[in-house]
Amino acid sequence: MSRIIRTATSASAPSASAPIVPKVLLNLRRHSLRADGDPDKAIQDLVTRIHDTQLSPAGIARIHEKGAEPTQYIWCSPLWRCIETAVEVQKRNGGIIIIDAGLCEVMHPKVLKRPVEEFDVLDDDDVRKLTQLFIRLDTTNPPEETRGLGGTADARYRGTLARIGDWCIQRKVPVVTVISHGDSLGSLAAMCRMSLYSIEEFGRVSATYDGTWTFHSSDDAGIIDE
């Protein structure tokens, strides 16, 4: 008579691993030092755009002294100081710059009470003088927005950062650098249930995103738990 051999299955055998939820590490930095804030009046006199100012030599030097995370993509606000900050990061680490109006600071003339001619931004020909490796997303006229957490600009920053996070996850981009303005870092901190009370030029707040935000780390930023 043949014997039937059965293999016992242990009740404690490991089950299939849970699926890994994709996520991205987003490093959000404020632009570096502006020329109109330089203590040297000769540098201040180089400013030709009252609102959309370039970086100072000290601002460019700070980027290279501090360094930045290698990344395949560098998203930035369309204002000159942010584009120039992104270009200096690109010089160090490579990558493609993506200019996104959703990262711009509040710049509607009625909001800041400044004449409309101050609010032109660098066109593509101007940007090509700085870098050839860039993409500009569709732009829209700056809306009338309210500043501060809970305002309409805060909602725009939150939506833009989530859109960038989703874009990276869909393309399996694990790390991305974003260059914007101080208020946007406050928005990111708030989404991580943190409070940002100060941020230096080229300071950083980093968070992971998988549909929700989790604080990761910061540099040159005053940030505390809510």
N, C-alpha and C. Protein backbone atom coordinates (compact mmCIF):
# COMPACT_ATOMS: atom_id res chain seq x y z
N MET A 1 0.86 -1.18 0.00
CA MET A 1 0.00 0.00 0.00
C MET A 1 0.90 1.23 0.00
N SER A 2 0.62 2.15 -0.90
CA SER A 2 1.43 3.36 -0.93
C SER A 2 1.00 4.31 0.18
N ARG A 3 1.97 5.06 0.60
CA ARG A 3 1.70 6.02 1.68
C ARG A 3 1.50 7.40 1.09
N ILE A 4 0.55 8.12 1.60
CA ILE A 4 0.33 9.51 1.19
C ILE A 4 0.98 10.40 2.21
N ILE A 5 1.90 11.20 1.73
CA ILE A 5 2.64 12.09 2.62
C ILE A 5 2.10 13.51 2.44
N ARG A 6 1.66 14.07 3.50
CA ARG A 6 1.16 15.44 3.47
C ARG A 6 2.15 16.36 4.18
N THR A 7 2.36 17.51 3.60
CA THR A 7 3.26 18.48 4.23
C THR A 7 2.44 19.41 5.11
N ALA A 8 2.83 19.44 6.36
CA ALA A 8 2.10 20.30 7.31
C ALA A 8 2.42 21.76 7.03
N THR A 9 1.43 22.61 7.20
CA THR A 9 1.62 24.06 7.05
C THR A 9 1.50 24.70 8.41
N SER A 10 2.53 25.39 8.80
CA SER A 10 2.53 26.02 10.12
C SER A 10 1.59 27.20 10.13
N ALA A 11 0.85 27.32 11.20
CA ALA A 11 -0.07 28.47 11.33
C ALA A 11 0.68 29.77 11.46
N SER A 12 1.96 29.69 11.84
CA SER A 12 2.74 30.90 12.04
C SER A 12 3.58 31.27 10.82
N ALA A 13 3.37 30.57 9.69
CA ALA A 13 4.15 30.88 8.50
C ALA A 13 3.89 32.32 8.06
N PRO A 14 4.92 33.01 7.58
CA PRO A 14 4.74 34.41 7.20
C PRO A 14 3.81 34.55 6.01
N SER A 15 2.99 35.56 6.05
CA SER A 15 2.09 35.84 4.93
C SER A 15 2.81 36.72 3.92
N ALA A 16 2.16 36.92 2.80
CA ALA A 16 2.76 37.77 1.78
C ALA A 16 2.97 39.17 2.33
N SER A 17 4.06 39.78 1.92
CA SER A 17 4.37 41.13 2.40
C SER A 17 3.31 42.11 1.95
N ALA A 18 3.04 43.06 2.82
CA ALA A 18 2.09 44.12 2.45
C ALA A 18 2.71 44.96 1.34
N PRO A 19 1.89 45.44 0.41
CA PRO A 19 2.45 46.25 -0.68
C PRO A 19 3.09 47.53 -0.14
N ILE A 20 4.19 47.92 -0.76
CA ILE A 20 4.89 49.14 -0.36
C ILE A 20 4.20 50.33 -0.99
N VAL A 21 3.80 51.27 -0.17
CA VAL A 21 3.14 52.47 -0.68
C VAL A 21 4.22 53.42 -1.19
N PRO A 22 4.18 53.81 -2.47
CA PRO A 22 5.21 54.70 -3.00
C PRO A 22 5.14 56.07 -2.33
N LYS A 23 6.28 56.69 -2.16
CA LYS A 23 6.31 58.02 -1.58
C LYS A 23 7.50 58.78 -2.13
N VAL A 24 7.49 60.08 -1.93
CA VAL A 24 8.56 60.94 -2.41
C VAL A 24 9.03 61.82 -1.26
N LEU A 25 10.34 62.09 -1.24
CA LEU A 25 10.90 63.05 -0.30
C LEU A 25 10.99 64.39 -1.01
N LEU A 26 10.25 65.37 -0.52
CA LEU A 26 10.23 66.70 -1.11
C LEU A 26 11.05 67.65 -0.24
N ASN A 27 12.10 68.21 -0.83
CA ASN A 27 12.95 69.18 -0.16
C ASN A 27 12.58 70.58 -0.64
N LEU A 28 11.87 71.31 0.19
CA LEU A 28 11.39 72.65 -0.18
C LEU A 28 12.33 73.69 0.40
N ARG A 29 12.89 74.52 -0.47
CA ARG A 29 13.84 75.55 -0.05
C ARG A 29 13.33 76.94 -0.41
N ARG A 30 13.63 77.87 0.47
CA ARG A 30 13.41 79.28 0.13
C ARG A 30 14.54 79.72 -0.80
N HIS A 31 14.25 80.65 -1.70
CA HIS A 31 15.29 81.20 -2.56
C HIS A 31 16.42 81.79 -1.72
N SER A 32 17.58 81.98 -2.33
CA SER A 32 18.72 82.55 -1.60
C SER A 32 18.61 84.07 -1.53
N LEU A 33 19.66 84.75 -1.05
CA LEU A 33 19.60 86.17 -0.74
C LEU A 33 19.40 87.03 -1.98
N ARG A 34 18.52 88.01 -1.87
CA ARG A 34 18.20 88.92 -2.96
C ARG A 34 19.20 90.06 -3.04
N ALA A 35 19.42 90.57 -4.25
CA ALA A 35 20.35 91.68 -4.44
C ALA A 35 19.88 92.96 -3.75
N ASP A 36 18.55 93.17 -3.70
CA ASP A 36 18.07 94.41 -3.08
C ASP A 36 18.20 94.38 -1.57
N GLY A 37 18.56 93.23 -1.00
CA GLY A 37 18.79 93.15 0.44
C GLY A 37 20.26 93.10 0.81
N ASP A 38 21.13 93.23 -0.18
CA ASP A 38 22.57 93.18 0.08
C ASP A 38 23.02 94.44 0.81
N PRO A 39 23.91 94.32 1.81
CA PRO A 39 24.39 95.52 2.52
C PRO A 39 25.23 96.44 1.64
N ASP A 40 25.75 95.94 0.53
CA ASP A 40 26.59 96.74 -0.37
C ASP A 40 25.68 97.52 -1.32
N LYS A 41 25.73 98.86 -1.23
CA LYS A 41 24.85 99.67 -2.07
C LYS A 41 25.15 99.49 -3.55
N ALA A 42 26.40 99.18 -3.89
CA ALA A 42 26.74 98.96 -5.29
C ALA A 42 25.99 97.76 -5.84
N ILE A 43 25.76 96.75 -5.00
CA ILE A 43 24.97 95.58 -5.42
C ILE A 43 23.51 95.96 -5.54
N GLN A 44 23.01 96.74 -4.59
CA GLN A 44 21.61 97.18 -4.64
C GLN A 44 21.33 97.97 -5.92
N ASP A 45 22.31 98.75 -6.35
CA ASP A 45 22.13 99.58 -7.54
C ASP A 45 22.03 98.76 -8.82
N LEU A 46 22.40 97.49 -8.77
CA LEU A 46 22.29 96.62 -9.95
C LEU A 46 20.86 96.15 -10.20
N VAL A 47 19.99 96.35 -9.22
CA VAL A 47 18.61 95.86 -9.33
C VAL A 47 17.87 96.65 -10.40
N THR A 48 17.32 95.94 -11.38
CA THR A 48 16.55 96.58 -12.45
C THR A 48 15.07 96.26 -12.36
N ARG A 49 14.71 95.22 -11.60
CA ARG A 49 13.31 94.85 -11.42
C ARG A 49 12.97 95.05 -9.94
N ILE A 50 12.08 95.96 -9.66
CA ILE A 50 11.82 96.33 -8.27
C ILE A 50 11.25 95.15 -7.49
N HIS A 51 10.33 94.42 -8.11
CA HIS A 51 9.71 93.29 -7.40
C HIS A 51 10.45 91.99 -7.68
N ASP A 52 10.81 91.78 -8.93
CA ASP A 52 11.41 90.51 -9.34
C ASP A 52 12.93 90.66 -9.40
N THR A 53 13.58 90.62 -8.26
CA THR A 53 15.02 90.90 -8.19
C THR A 53 15.85 89.64 -8.30
N GLN A 54 17.08 89.82 -8.78
CA GLN A 54 18.02 88.71 -8.89
C GLN A 54 18.70 88.44 -7.55
N LEU A 55 19.53 87.39 -7.51
CA LEU A 55 20.30 87.09 -6.31
C LEU A 55 21.51 88.01 -6.20
N SER A 56 21.96 88.21 -4.98
CA SER A 56 23.21 88.91 -4.75
C SER A 56 24.37 87.94 -4.89
N PRO A 57 25.60 88.41 -5.07
CA PRO A 57 26.76 87.50 -5.08
C PRO A 57 26.83 86.66 -3.81
N ALA A 58 26.47 87.26 -2.67
CA ALA A 58 26.46 86.51 -1.41
C ALA A 58 25.39 85.41 -1.45
N GLY A 59 24.28 85.67 -2.13
CA GLY A 59 23.23 84.67 -2.25
C GLY A 59 23.68 83.48 -3.08
N ILE A 60 24.40 83.76 -4.17
CA ILE A 60 24.92 82.67 -5.00
C ILE A 60 25.96 81.88 -4.22
N ALA A 61 26.83 82.59 -3.50
CA ALA A 61 27.86 81.90 -2.71
C ALA A 61 27.23 81.00 -1.64
N ARG A 62 26.14 81.45 -1.03
CA ARG A 62 25.50 80.66 0.02
C ARG A 62 25.03 79.31 -0.52
N ILE A 63 24.48 79.30 -1.73
CA ILE A 63 24.00 78.05 -2.31
C ILE A 63 25.13 77.03 -2.41
N HIS A 64 26.29 77.50 -2.86
CA HIS A 64 27.41 76.58 -3.05
C HIS A 64 28.08 76.21 -1.73
N GLU A 65 27.99 77.10 -0.74
CA GLU A 65 28.52 76.77 0.58
C GLU A 65 27.63 75.74 1.28
N LYS A 66 26.32 75.93 1.18
CA LYS A 66 25.38 75.04 1.86
C LYS A 66 25.20 73.72 1.11
N GLY A 67 25.21 73.80 -0.22
CA GLY A 67 24.95 72.60 -1.00
C GLY A 67 23.47 72.26 -1.01
N ALA A 68 23.10 71.32 -1.85
CA ALA A 68 21.70 70.89 -1.95
C ALA A 68 21.67 69.43 -2.37
N GLU A 69 20.52 68.83 -2.18
CA GLU A 69 20.35 67.41 -2.41
C GLU A 69 20.34 67.12 -3.92
N PRO A 70 21.07 66.08 -4.38
CA PRO A 70 20.98 65.69 -5.79
C PRO A 70 19.54 65.28 -6.14
N THR A 71 19.08 65.67 -7.29
CA THR A 71 17.72 65.37 -7.70
C THR A 71 17.62 65.42 -9.20
N GLN A 72 16.69 64.67 -9.74
CA GLN A 72 16.50 64.66 -11.19
C GLN A 72 15.72 65.88 -11.66
N TYR A 73 14.87 66.42 -10.77
CA TYR A 73 14.03 67.55 -11.12
C TYR A 73 14.12 68.63 -10.05
N ILE A 74 14.14 69.89 -10.50
CA ILE A 74 14.15 71.04 -9.60
C ILE A 74 12.97 71.92 -10.00
N TRP A 75 11.94 71.93 -9.18
CA TRP A 75 10.77 72.77 -9.45
C TRP A 75 11.03 74.13 -8.84
N CYS A 76 10.51 75.20 -9.47
CA CYS A 76 10.73 76.53 -8.90
C CYS A 76 9.64 77.50 -9.30
N SER A 77 9.52 78.54 -8.50
CA SER A 77 8.67 79.69 -8.78
C SER A 77 9.20 80.41 -10.02
N PRO A 78 8.34 81.13 -10.76
CA PRO A 78 8.80 81.85 -11.96
C PRO A 78 9.53 83.15 -11.67
N LEU A 79 9.68 83.54 -10.40
CA LEU A 79 10.38 84.78 -10.10
C LEU A 79 11.89 84.57 -10.21
N TRP A 80 12.59 85.65 -10.62
CA TRP A 80 14.01 85.59 -10.98
C TRP A 80 14.85 84.98 -9.88
N ARG A 81 14.64 85.39 -8.63
CA ARG A 81 15.47 84.90 -7.53
C ARG A 81 15.33 83.39 -7.33
N CYS A 82 14.13 82.87 -7.62
CA CYS A 82 13.92 81.42 -7.49
C CYS A 82 14.52 80.67 -8.67
N ILE A 83 14.34 81.20 -9.88
CA ILE A 83 14.94 80.57 -11.05
C ILE A 83 16.46 80.56 -10.91
N GLU A 84 17.03 81.68 -10.47
CA GLU A 84 18.49 81.75 -10.34
C GLU A 84 18.98 80.80 -9.25
N THR A 85 18.23 80.67 -8.16
CA THR A 85 18.58 79.70 -7.12
C THR A 85 18.55 78.29 -7.71
N ALA A 86 17.51 77.97 -8.48
CA ALA A 86 17.41 76.65 -9.10
C ALA A 86 18.56 76.40 -10.07
N VAL A 87 18.96 77.42 -10.81
CA VAL A 87 20.07 77.27 -11.77
C VAL A 87 21.37 76.96 -11.04
N GLU A 88 21.61 77.62 -9.91
CA GLU A 88 22.84 77.35 -9.15
C GLU A 88 22.84 75.94 -8.58
N VAL A 89 21.67 75.48 -8.14
CA VAL A 89 21.54 74.08 -7.68
C VAL A 89 21.80 73.14 -8.85
N GLN A 90 21.26 73.48 -10.01
CA GLN A 90 21.45 72.67 -11.21
C GLN A 90 22.93 72.58 -11.58
N LYS A 91 23.66 73.67 -11.44
CA LYS A 91 25.09 73.67 -11.75
C LYS A 91 25.84 72.68 -10.87
N ARG A 92 25.41 72.55 -9.63
CA ARG A 92 26.08 71.64 -8.69
C ARG A 92 25.68 70.18 -8.93
N ASN A 93 24.38 69.96 -9.18
CA ASN A 93 23.84 68.60 -9.12
C ASN A 93 23.22 68.10 -10.42
N GLY A 94 23.12 68.96 -11.43
CA GLY A 94 22.40 68.55 -12.64
C GLY A 94 20.90 68.60 -12.41
N GLY A 95 20.15 68.00 -13.32
CA GLY A 95 18.71 67.98 -13.19
C GLY A 95 18.03 68.92 -14.17
N ILE A 96 16.72 68.77 -14.30
CA ILE A 96 15.90 69.61 -15.17
C ILE A 96 15.07 70.55 -14.31
N ILE A 97 15.05 71.82 -14.65
CA ILE A 97 14.27 72.81 -13.92
C ILE A 97 12.85 72.88 -14.50
N ILE A 98 11.86 72.85 -13.62
CA ILE A 98 10.46 72.99 -14.02
C ILE A 98 9.92 74.25 -13.36
N ILE A 99 9.59 75.25 -14.16
CA ILE A 99 9.09 76.53 -13.67
C ILE A 99 7.57 76.45 -13.55
N ASP A 100 7.07 76.66 -12.34
CA ASP A 100 5.65 76.41 -12.05
C ASP A 100 5.06 77.64 -11.37
N ALA A 101 4.09 78.28 -12.01
CA ALA A 101 3.48 79.48 -11.46
C ALA A 101 2.76 79.22 -10.14
N GLY A 102 2.41 77.96 -9.88
CA GLY A 102 1.76 77.64 -8.61
C GLY A 102 2.64 77.85 -7.41
N LEU A 103 3.96 77.99 -7.62
CA LEU A 103 4.90 78.21 -6.53
C LEU A 103 5.23 79.68 -6.32
N CYS A 104 4.65 80.56 -7.12
CA CYS A 104 4.96 81.99 -7.04
C CYS A 104 4.40 82.60 -5.77
N GLU A 105 5.06 83.67 -5.30
CA GLU A 105 4.51 84.36 -4.15
C GLU A 105 3.32 85.21 -4.57
N VAL A 106 2.59 85.73 -3.62
CA VAL A 106 1.46 86.62 -3.92
C VAL A 106 2.01 87.85 -4.64
N MET A 107 1.50 88.12 -5.84
CA MET A 107 2.07 89.23 -6.61
C MET A 107 1.02 90.02 -7.39
N HIS A 108 -0.23 89.93 -6.95
CA HIS A 108 -1.26 90.70 -7.65
C HIS A 108 -1.14 92.17 -7.27
N PRO A 109 -1.15 93.07 -8.25
CA PRO A 109 -0.98 94.49 -7.94
C PRO A 109 -1.93 95.03 -6.90
N LYS A 110 -3.20 94.58 -6.91
CA LYS A 110 -4.16 95.10 -5.95
C LYS A 110 -3.87 94.60 -4.54
N VAL A 111 -3.19 93.44 -4.45
CA VAL A 111 -2.87 92.90 -3.14
C VAL A 111 -1.68 93.63 -2.53
N LEU A 112 -0.61 93.80 -3.32
CA LEU A 112 0.60 94.43 -2.82
C LEU A 112 0.62 95.94 -3.03
N LYS A 113 -0.43 96.45 -3.72
CA LYS A 113 -0.56 97.89 -3.95
C LYS A 113 0.69 98.45 -4.66
N ARG A 114 1.09 97.77 -5.73
CA ARG A 114 2.21 98.21 -6.55
C ARG A 114 1.74 98.25 -8.00
N PRO A 115 2.38 99.06 -8.84
CA PRO A 115 1.95 99.15 -10.24
C PRO A 115 2.18 97.85 -10.99
N VAL A 116 1.32 97.58 -11.98
CA VAL A 116 1.34 96.31 -12.68
C VAL A 116 2.64 96.10 -13.44
N GLU A 117 3.31 97.15 -13.89
CA GLU A 117 4.53 96.98 -14.67
C GLU A 117 5.68 96.38 -13.85
N GLU A 118 5.54 96.36 -12.53
CA GLU A 118 6.57 95.74 -11.71
C GLU A 118 6.48 94.22 -11.71
N PHE A 119 5.42 93.67 -12.25
CA PHE A 119 5.14 92.26 -12.05
C PHE A 119 5.42 91.39 -13.27
N ASP A 120 6.27 91.88 -14.18
CA ASP A 120 6.68 91.01 -15.27
C ASP A 120 7.72 90.02 -14.74
N VAL A 121 7.76 88.84 -15.32
CA VAL A 121 8.73 87.82 -14.92
C VAL A 121 9.62 87.49 -16.11
N LEU A 122 10.70 86.77 -15.85
CA LEU A 122 11.62 86.41 -16.92
C LEU A 122 10.90 85.58 -17.98
N ASP A 123 11.05 85.96 -19.26
CA ASP A 123 10.47 85.13 -20.31
C ASP A 123 11.46 84.02 -20.66
N ASP A 124 11.06 83.16 -21.59
CA ASP A 124 11.89 82.00 -21.90
C ASP A 124 13.26 82.40 -22.46
N ASP A 125 13.31 83.48 -23.24
CA ASP A 125 14.60 83.93 -23.77
C ASP A 125 15.53 84.37 -22.64
N ASP A 126 14.97 85.03 -21.62
CA ASP A 126 15.77 85.43 -20.46
C ASP A 126 16.29 84.20 -19.72
N VAL A 127 15.42 83.21 -19.55
CA VAL A 127 15.82 82.00 -18.81
C VAL A 127 16.90 81.25 -19.57
N ARG A 128 16.83 81.25 -20.91
CA ARG A 128 17.84 80.53 -21.70
C ARG A 128 19.23 81.13 -21.54
N LYS A 129 19.30 82.38 -21.11
CA LYS A 129 20.61 82.97 -20.83
C LYS A 129 21.23 82.37 -19.58
N LEU A 130 20.38 81.75 -18.75
CA LEU A 130 20.85 81.14 -17.50
C LEU A 130 21.01 79.63 -17.63
N THR A 131 20.10 78.98 -18.36
CA THR A 131 20.12 77.53 -18.52
C THR A 131 19.32 77.12 -19.74
N GLN A 132 19.70 76.02 -20.36
CA GLN A 132 18.95 75.46 -21.48
C GLN A 132 18.04 74.33 -21.02
N LEU A 133 18.30 73.81 -19.82
CA LEU A 133 17.57 72.63 -19.33
C LEU A 133 16.42 73.06 -18.42
N PHE A 134 15.34 73.50 -19.03
CA PHE A 134 14.18 73.91 -18.23
C PHE A 134 12.90 73.66 -19.02
N ILE A 135 11.81 73.53 -18.26
CA ILE A 135 10.46 73.42 -18.80
C ILE A 135 9.61 74.45 -18.07
N ARG A 136 8.78 75.17 -18.79
CA ARG A 136 7.86 76.10 -18.14
C ARG A 136 6.44 75.57 -18.29
N LEU A 137 5.77 75.37 -17.18
CA LEU A 137 4.37 74.95 -17.23
C LEU A 137 3.49 76.13 -17.61
N ASP A 138 2.25 75.84 -17.99
CA ASP A 138 1.32 76.91 -18.37
C ASP A 138 1.22 77.93 -17.25
N THR A 139 1.21 79.19 -17.63
CA THR A 139 1.12 80.27 -16.65
C THR A 139 -0.26 80.91 -16.72
N THR A 140 -0.65 81.51 -15.62
CA THR A 140 -1.92 82.23 -15.56
C THR A 140 -1.66 83.59 -14.94
N ASN A 141 -2.55 84.52 -15.17
CA ASN A 141 -2.41 85.83 -14.54
C ASN A 141 -2.51 85.69 -13.03
N PRO A 142 -1.70 86.43 -12.27
CA PRO A 142 -1.74 86.30 -10.81
C PRO A 142 -3.11 86.68 -10.26
N PRO A 143 -3.72 85.80 -9.48
CA PRO A 143 -5.04 86.12 -8.93
C PRO A 143 -4.93 87.04 -7.72
N GLU A 144 -6.05 87.64 -7.35
CA GLU A 144 -6.09 88.36 -6.08
C GLU A 144 -6.17 87.33 -4.97
N GLU A 145 -5.20 87.34 -4.08
CA GLU A 145 -5.11 86.32 -3.05
C GLU A 145 -4.90 86.96 -1.68
N THR A 146 -5.25 86.20 -0.66
CA THR A 146 -4.97 86.61 0.71
C THR A 146 -3.77 85.83 1.21
N ARG A 147 -2.91 86.51 1.96
CA ARG A 147 -1.68 85.90 2.44
C ARG A 147 -1.90 85.27 3.81
N GLY A 148 -0.92 84.45 4.23
CA GLY A 148 -0.96 83.85 5.55
C GLY A 148 -1.67 82.50 5.53
N LEU A 149 -1.42 81.71 6.60
CA LEU A 149 -2.04 80.39 6.71
C LEU A 149 -3.56 80.53 6.72
N GLY A 150 -4.22 79.69 5.96
CA GLY A 150 -5.67 79.76 5.85
C GLY A 150 -6.14 80.66 4.73
N GLY A 151 -5.22 81.43 4.13
CA GLY A 151 -5.58 82.31 3.02
C GLY A 151 -5.61 81.56 1.70
N THR A 152 -5.99 82.25 0.64
CA THR A 152 -6.09 81.60 -0.66
C THR A 152 -4.72 81.26 -1.23
N ALA A 153 -3.69 82.06 -0.93
CA ALA A 153 -2.35 81.72 -1.39
C ALA A 153 -1.85 80.45 -0.70
N ASP A 154 -2.16 80.29 0.58
CA ASP A 154 -1.80 79.08 1.32
C ASP A 154 -2.45 77.86 0.65
N ALA A 155 -3.70 77.98 0.27
CA ALA A 155 -4.40 76.87 -0.40
C ALA A 155 -3.72 76.54 -1.72
N ARG A 156 -3.29 77.57 -2.45
CA ARG A 156 -2.59 77.33 -3.72
C ARG A 156 -1.28 76.60 -3.49
N TYR A 157 -0.50 77.03 -2.49
CA TYR A 157 0.76 76.35 -2.19
C TYR A 157 0.51 74.88 -1.85
N ARG A 158 -0.48 74.63 -1.01
CA ARG A 158 -0.77 73.25 -0.60
C ARG A 158 -1.14 72.40 -1.81
N GLY A 159 -1.99 72.94 -2.66
CA GLY A 159 -2.40 72.19 -3.85
C GLY A 159 -1.25 71.95 -4.81
N THR A 160 -0.39 72.94 -4.98
CA THR A 160 0.76 72.80 -5.88
C THR A 160 1.74 71.77 -5.37
N LEU A 161 2.04 71.79 -4.07
CA LEU A 161 2.98 70.83 -3.50
C LEU A 161 2.43 69.40 -3.61
N ALA A 162 1.14 69.23 -3.37
CA ALA A 162 0.53 67.91 -3.52
C ALA A 162 0.57 67.45 -4.98
N ARG A 163 0.34 68.38 -5.89
CA ARG A 163 0.41 68.04 -7.32
C ARG A 163 1.82 67.59 -7.71
N ILE A 164 2.83 68.28 -7.19
CA ILE A 164 4.21 67.88 -7.46
C ILE A 164 4.49 66.50 -6.86
N GLY A 165 4.01 66.29 -5.64
CA GLY A 165 4.20 64.99 -5.00
C GLY A 165 3.55 63.86 -5.79
N ASP A 166 2.33 64.08 -6.24
CA ASP A 166 1.63 63.06 -7.04
C ASP A 166 2.36 62.80 -8.36
N TRP A 167 2.84 63.87 -8.99
CA TRP A 167 3.58 63.75 -10.25
C TRP A 167 4.82 62.88 -10.05
N CYS A 168 5.54 63.09 -8.96
CA CYS A 168 6.76 62.32 -8.68
C CYS A 168 6.42 60.85 -8.40
N ILE A 169 5.38 60.61 -7.63
CA ILE A 169 5.00 59.23 -7.31
C ILE A 169 4.61 58.48 -8.58
N GLN A 170 3.85 59.12 -9.45
CA GLN A 170 3.43 58.46 -10.69
C GLN A 170 4.62 58.07 -11.56
N ARG A 171 5.70 58.86 -11.47
CA ARG A 171 6.89 58.61 -12.30
C ARG A 171 8.02 57.95 -11.52
N LYS A 172 7.70 57.54 -10.28
CA LYS A 172 8.68 56.86 -9.42
C LYS A 172 9.94 57.70 -9.21
N VAL A 173 9.73 59.00 -9.00
CA VAL A 173 10.82 59.90 -8.66
C VAL A 173 10.91 59.96 -7.14
N PRO A 174 11.99 59.46 -6.53
CA PRO A 174 12.02 59.33 -5.07
C PRO A 174 12.33 60.62 -4.31
N VAL A 175 13.03 61.55 -4.96
CA VAL A 175 13.45 62.79 -4.29
C VAL A 175 13.28 63.95 -5.26
N VAL A 176 12.77 65.07 -4.76
CA VAL A 176 12.62 66.25 -5.60
C VAL A 176 12.97 67.49 -4.79
N THR A 177 13.59 68.46 -5.45
CA THR A 177 13.89 69.75 -4.84
C THR A 177 12.93 70.79 -5.39
N VAL A 178 12.41 71.63 -4.51
CA VAL A 178 11.48 72.69 -4.89
C VAL A 178 12.01 74.01 -4.33
N ILE A 179 12.08 75.04 -5.17
CA ILE A 179 12.55 76.38 -4.75
C ILE A 179 11.36 77.34 -4.82
N SER A 180 11.02 77.94 -3.69
CA SER A 180 9.87 78.84 -3.67
C SER A 180 10.13 79.98 -2.69
N HIS A 181 9.08 80.42 -2.02
CA HIS A 181 9.15 81.59 -1.15
C HIS A 181 8.79 81.19 0.28
N GLY A 182 9.09 82.09 1.23
CA GLY A 182 8.94 81.76 2.64
C GLY A 182 7.56 81.26 3.02
N ASP A 183 6.51 81.87 2.47
CA ASP A 183 5.15 81.47 2.84
C ASP A 183 4.86 80.02 2.46
N SER A 184 5.47 79.54 1.36
CA SER A 184 5.21 78.16 0.94
C SER A 184 5.78 77.17 1.94
N LEU A 185 6.91 77.51 2.57
CA LEU A 185 7.48 76.63 3.58
C LEU A 185 6.59 76.57 4.81
N GLY A 186 5.95 77.70 5.12
CA GLY A 186 4.98 77.69 6.21
C GLY A 186 3.80 76.79 5.91
N SER A 187 3.37 76.76 4.65
CA SER A 187 2.27 75.89 4.24
C SER A 187 2.66 74.42 4.38
N LEU A 188 3.88 74.08 3.94
CA LEU A 188 4.32 72.69 4.06
C LEU A 188 4.43 72.27 5.53
N ALA A 189 5.00 73.14 6.35
CA ALA A 189 5.11 72.83 7.78
C ALA A 189 3.73 72.58 8.38
N ALA A 190 2.76 73.42 8.03
CA ALA A 190 1.41 73.27 8.59
C ALA A 190 0.79 71.95 8.16
N MET A 191 1.05 71.50 6.93
CA MET A 191 0.50 70.22 6.49
C MET A 191 1.13 69.05 7.24
N CYS A 192 2.32 69.30 7.82
CA CYS A 192 2.99 68.28 8.65
C CYS A 192 2.67 68.48 10.13
N ARG A 193 1.69 69.35 10.44
CA ARG A 193 1.30 69.66 11.81
C ARG A 193 2.47 70.26 12.60
N MET A 194 3.21 71.13 11.91
CA MET A 194 4.31 71.86 12.51
C MET A 194 4.04 73.35 12.31
N SER A 195 4.73 74.18 13.08
CA SER A 195 4.62 75.63 12.93
C SER A 195 6.00 76.19 12.58
N LEU A 196 6.06 76.95 11.50
CA LEU A 196 7.30 77.59 11.06
C LEU A 196 7.29 79.04 11.52
N TYR A 197 8.25 79.43 12.34
CA TYR A 197 8.27 80.81 12.80
C TYR A 197 9.43 81.60 12.22
N SER A 198 10.38 80.97 11.54
CA SER A 198 11.44 81.70 10.85
C SER A 198 12.05 80.79 9.79
N ILE A 199 12.55 81.40 8.71
CA ILE A 199 13.22 80.65 7.67
C ILE A 199 14.25 81.56 7.01
N GLU A 200 15.50 81.16 7.03
CA GLU A 200 16.55 81.94 6.39
C GLU A 200 16.54 81.72 4.89
N GLU A 201 17.21 82.64 4.17
CA GLU A 201 17.34 82.45 2.74
C GLU A 201 18.09 81.15 2.46
N PHE A 202 17.59 80.38 1.55
CA PHE A 202 18.05 79.04 1.18
C PHE A 202 17.85 78.03 2.31
N GLY A 203 17.04 78.38 3.30
CA GLY A 203 16.67 77.42 4.33
C GLY A 203 15.75 76.35 3.74
N ARG A 204 15.60 75.25 4.47
CA ARG A 204 14.91 74.08 3.93
C ARG A 204 13.95 73.47 4.95
N VAL A 205 12.80 73.02 4.45
CA VAL A 205 11.89 72.13 5.17
C VAL A 205 11.63 70.94 4.27
N SER A 206 11.87 69.73 4.78
CA SER A 206 11.69 68.51 3.99
C SER A 206 10.58 67.65 4.59
N ALA A 207 9.81 67.01 3.71
CA ALA A 207 8.71 66.14 4.15
C ALA A 207 8.55 65.01 3.16
N THR A 208 8.08 63.86 3.64
CA THR A 208 7.73 62.77 2.74
C THR A 208 6.24 62.87 2.42
N TYR A 209 5.92 62.44 1.21
CA TYR A 209 4.52 62.52 0.73
C TYR A 209 4.11 61.20 0.12
N ASP A 210 2.99 60.66 0.57
CA ASP A 210 2.40 59.46 -0.01
C ASP A 210 0.89 59.62 -0.12
N GLY A 211 0.47 60.85 -0.27
CA GLY A 211 -0.95 61.20 -0.21
C GLY A 211 -1.22 62.05 1.02
N THR A 212 -0.37 61.90 2.03
CA THR A 212 -0.35 62.76 3.21
C THR A 212 1.11 63.16 3.45
N TRP A 213 1.28 64.19 4.26
CA TRP A 213 2.61 64.74 4.50
C TRP A 213 3.12 64.33 5.88
N THR A 214 4.42 63.99 5.93
CA THR A 214 5.09 63.67 7.19
C THR A 214 6.40 64.44 7.26
N PHE A 215 6.59 65.20 8.32
CA PHE A 215 7.81 65.99 8.46
C PHE A 215 9.04 65.08 8.48
N HIS A 216 10.08 65.50 7.78
CA HIS A 216 11.32 64.72 7.70
C HIS A 216 12.47 65.43 8.41
N SER A 217 12.78 66.67 7.99
CA SER A 217 13.91 67.39 8.59
C SER A 217 13.87 68.84 8.12
N SER A 218 14.75 69.66 8.68
CA SER A 218 14.82 71.07 8.27
C SER A 218 16.24 71.59 8.46
N ASP A 219 16.51 72.72 7.85
CA ASP A 219 17.82 73.35 7.93
C ASP A 219 17.64 74.85 7.86
N ASP A 220 18.27 75.58 8.79
CA ASP A 220 18.13 77.05 8.82
C ASP A 220 16.68 77.47 8.92
N ALA A 221 15.92 76.73 9.70
CA ALA A 221 14.49 77.02 9.87
C ALA A 221 14.14 76.92 11.35
N GLY A 222 13.30 77.83 11.81
CA GLY A 222 12.73 77.74 13.14
C GLY A 222 11.38 77.04 13.04
N ILE A 223 11.30 75.80 13.52
CA ILE A 223 10.09 75.00 13.33
C ILE A 223 9.83 74.17 14.58
N ILE A 224 8.56 74.13 15.00
CA ILE A 224 8.19 73.40 16.22
C ILE A 224 6.90 72.63 15.97
N ASP A 225 6.64 71.63 16.82
CA ASP A 225 5.37 70.92 16.75
C ASP A 225 4.24 71.86 17.13
N GLU A 226 3.09 71.65 16.49
CA GLU A 226 1.92 72.46 16.84
C GLU A 226 1.40 72.08 18.22
